[in-house]
């Protein structure tokens, strides 16, 4: 994406999906660091209206 100064910057889409309930939580971040992923997961777990037990990942692929 380009910012206001027309500089191209990468953005990273973080997505959490409950396949049974079809509930989705997403965020766009400036980086793909462990801190960003951890913060997203904590936010997603707090946003789901139910308890999340297993977490499956695609390891960024």
N, C-alpha and C. Protein backbone atom coordinates (compact mmCIF):
# COMPACT_ATOMS: atom_id res chain seq x y z
N UNK A 1 0.83 -1.18 0.00
CA UNK A 1 0.00 0.00 0.00
C UNK A 1 0.88 1.24 0.00
N UNK A 2 0.35 2.29 -0.55
CA UNK A 2 1.07 3.56 -0.52
C UNK A 2 0.54 4.41 0.62
N UNK A 3 1.46 5.08 1.32
CA UNK A 3 1.03 6.00 2.36
C UNK A 3 0.79 7.38 1.75
N UNK A 4 0.55 8.37 2.58
CA UNK A 4 0.26 9.72 2.08
C UNK A 4 1.39 10.32 1.27
N UNK A 5 2.62 9.89 1.57
CA UNK A 5 3.79 10.41 0.84
C UNK A 5 4.10 9.57 -0.40
N UNK A 6 3.20 8.68 -0.75
CA UNK A 6 3.33 7.78 -1.90
C UNK A 6 4.48 6.80 -1.75
N UNK A 7 4.83 6.48 -0.53
CA UNK A 7 5.86 5.48 -0.26
C UNK A 7 5.17 4.13 -0.13
N UNK A 8 5.67 3.15 -0.87
CA UNK A 8 5.09 1.81 -0.79
C UNK A 8 5.51 1.15 0.52
N UNK A 9 4.54 0.63 1.24
CA UNK A 9 4.82 -0.07 2.50
C UNK A 9 4.04 -1.37 2.53
N UNK A 10 4.66 -2.39 3.07
CA UNK A 10 3.96 -3.66 3.23
C UNK A 10 3.02 -3.56 4.41
N UNK A 11 1.89 -4.22 4.30
CA UNK A 11 0.93 -4.34 5.40
C UNK A 11 0.64 -5.83 5.54
N UNK A 12 0.32 -6.26 6.74
CA UNK A 12 0.11 -7.66 7.02
C UNK A 12 -1.29 -7.86 7.58
N UNK A 13 -2.01 -8.82 7.01
CA UNK A 13 -3.37 -9.12 7.42
C UNK A 13 -3.35 -10.30 8.38
N UNK A 14 -3.86 -10.08 9.57
CA UNK A 14 -4.00 -11.13 10.57
C UNK A 14 -5.47 -11.50 10.63
N UNK A 15 -5.78 -12.80 10.55
CA UNK A 15 -7.17 -13.25 10.51
C UNK A 15 -7.35 -14.43 11.46
N UNK A 16 -8.43 -14.38 12.24
CA UNK A 16 -8.84 -15.50 13.09
C UNK A 16 -10.26 -15.86 12.68
N UNK A 17 -10.49 -17.15 12.39
CA UNK A 17 -11.80 -17.60 11.93
C UNK A 17 -12.25 -18.79 12.76
N UNK A 18 -13.48 -18.73 13.25
CA UNK A 18 -14.11 -19.90 13.84
C UNK A 18 -14.88 -20.58 12.72
N UNK A 19 -14.42 -21.75 12.31
CA UNK A 19 -15.03 -22.40 11.15
C UNK A 19 -16.45 -22.87 11.41
N UNK A 20 -16.77 -23.24 12.64
CA UNK A 20 -18.13 -23.72 12.95
C UNK A 20 -19.13 -22.57 13.01
N UNK A 21 -18.77 -21.51 13.73
CA UNK A 21 -19.69 -20.38 13.91
C UNK A 21 -19.56 -19.34 12.79
N UNK A 22 -18.50 -19.48 11.98
CA UNK A 22 -18.21 -18.52 10.90
C UNK A 22 -18.01 -17.10 11.45
N UNK A 23 -17.42 -17.03 12.61
CA UNK A 23 -17.09 -15.75 13.24
C UNK A 23 -15.68 -15.38 12.82
N UNK A 24 -15.47 -14.13 12.40
CA UNK A 24 -14.17 -13.68 11.89
C UNK A 24 -13.69 -12.47 12.67
N UNK A 25 -12.40 -12.46 12.98
CA UNK A 25 -11.76 -11.30 13.60
C UNK A 25 -10.51 -11.03 12.78
N UNK A 26 -10.29 -9.77 12.38
CA UNK A 26 -9.10 -9.48 11.59
C UNK A 26 -8.49 -8.14 11.98
N UNK A 27 -7.22 -8.00 11.60
CA UNK A 27 -6.49 -6.75 11.85
C UNK A 27 -5.42 -6.60 10.77
N UNK A 28 -5.13 -5.37 10.41
CA UNK A 28 -4.05 -5.06 9.48
C UNK A 28 -2.94 -4.42 10.29
N UNK A 29 -1.75 -5.00 10.19
CA UNK A 29 -0.60 -4.54 10.98
C UNK A 29 0.52 -4.07 10.06
N UNK A 30 1.43 -3.29 10.61
CA UNK A 30 2.58 -2.79 9.86
C UNK A 30 3.73 -3.78 9.79
N UNK A 31 3.69 -4.82 10.62
CA UNK A 31 4.79 -5.78 10.64
C UNK A 31 4.26 -7.17 10.95
N UNK A 32 5.14 -8.14 10.87
CA UNK A 32 4.77 -9.52 11.18
C UNK A 32 5.68 -10.07 12.29
N UNK A 33 5.83 -9.29 13.34
CA UNK A 33 6.68 -9.68 14.46
C UNK A 33 5.90 -10.57 15.43
N UNK A 34 6.64 -11.22 16.30
CA UNK A 34 6.03 -12.04 17.34
C UNK A 34 5.14 -11.18 18.22
N UNK A 35 5.57 -9.98 18.53
CA UNK A 35 4.78 -9.08 19.38
C UNK A 35 3.44 -8.73 18.72
N UNK A 36 3.45 -8.47 17.42
CA UNK A 36 2.21 -8.16 16.71
C UNK A 36 1.28 -9.37 16.68
N UNK A 37 1.83 -10.54 16.43
CA UNK A 37 1.02 -11.76 16.39
C UNK A 37 0.43 -12.07 17.76
N UNK A 38 1.23 -11.90 18.81
CA UNK A 38 0.75 -12.15 20.17
C UNK A 38 -0.35 -11.17 20.55
N UNK A 39 -0.16 -9.91 20.22
CA UNK A 39 -1.17 -8.89 20.51
C UNK A 39 -2.46 -9.17 19.74
N UNK A 40 -2.34 -9.58 18.48
CA UNK A 40 -3.52 -9.91 17.69
C UNK A 40 -4.27 -11.08 18.30
N UNK A 41 -3.54 -12.13 18.67
CA UNK A 41 -4.19 -13.31 19.24
C UNK A 41 -4.90 -12.97 20.54
N UNK A 42 -4.28 -12.18 21.40
CA UNK A 42 -4.92 -11.77 22.65
C UNK A 42 -6.19 -10.97 22.37
N UNK A 43 -6.11 -10.07 21.39
CA UNK A 43 -7.28 -9.27 21.02
C UNK A 43 -8.38 -10.15 20.44
N UNK A 44 -8.01 -11.09 19.58
CA UNK A 44 -9.00 -11.99 18.97
C UNK A 44 -9.67 -12.87 20.02
N UNK A 45 -8.89 -13.41 20.94
CA UNK A 45 -9.47 -14.27 21.97
C UNK A 45 -10.45 -13.49 22.85
N UNK A 46 -10.16 -12.22 23.08
CA UNK A 46 -11.08 -11.38 23.85
C UNK A 46 -12.32 -10.98 23.07
N UNK A 47 -12.22 -10.97 21.75
CA UNK A 47 -13.34 -10.54 20.91
C UNK A 47 -14.34 -11.66 20.62
N UNK A 48 -13.88 -12.90 20.60
CA UNK A 48 -14.80 -14.00 20.33
C UNK A 48 -15.79 -14.13 21.49
N UNK A 49 -17.07 -14.32 21.18
CA UNK A 49 -18.09 -14.40 22.25
C UNK A 49 -18.18 -15.77 22.90
N UNK A 50 -17.12 -16.57 22.81
CA UNK A 50 -17.10 -17.91 23.38
C UNK A 50 -15.65 -18.26 23.69
N UNK A 51 -15.45 -19.33 24.44
CA UNK A 51 -14.10 -19.75 24.79
C UNK A 51 -13.46 -20.48 23.61
N UNK A 52 -12.24 -20.10 23.30
CA UNK A 52 -11.49 -20.75 22.22
C UNK A 52 -10.59 -21.80 22.85
N UNK A 53 -10.67 -23.04 22.35
CA UNK A 53 -9.82 -24.09 22.93
C UNK A 53 -8.63 -24.41 22.02
N UNK A 54 -8.81 -25.05 20.85
CA UNK A 54 -7.62 -25.26 20.02
C UNK A 54 -7.37 -24.06 19.11
N UNK A 55 -6.11 -23.80 18.84
CA UNK A 55 -5.73 -22.75 17.89
C UNK A 55 -4.87 -23.40 16.81
N UNK A 56 -5.30 -23.29 15.56
CA UNK A 56 -4.54 -23.82 14.43
C UNK A 56 -3.95 -22.64 13.67
N UNK A 57 -2.73 -22.79 13.19
CA UNK A 57 -2.09 -21.72 12.42
C UNK A 57 -1.58 -22.26 11.09
N UNK A 58 -1.31 -21.35 10.17
CA UNK A 58 -0.68 -21.74 8.91
C UNK A 58 0.77 -21.29 8.87
N UNK A 59 1.26 -20.78 9.99
CA UNK A 59 2.65 -20.32 10.13
C UNK A 59 3.03 -19.29 9.08
N UNK A 60 2.08 -18.44 8.73
CA UNK A 60 2.37 -17.34 7.83
C UNK A 60 2.44 -17.69 6.36
N UNK A 61 2.01 -18.89 6.00
CA UNK A 61 2.08 -19.25 4.57
C UNK A 61 0.83 -18.88 3.82
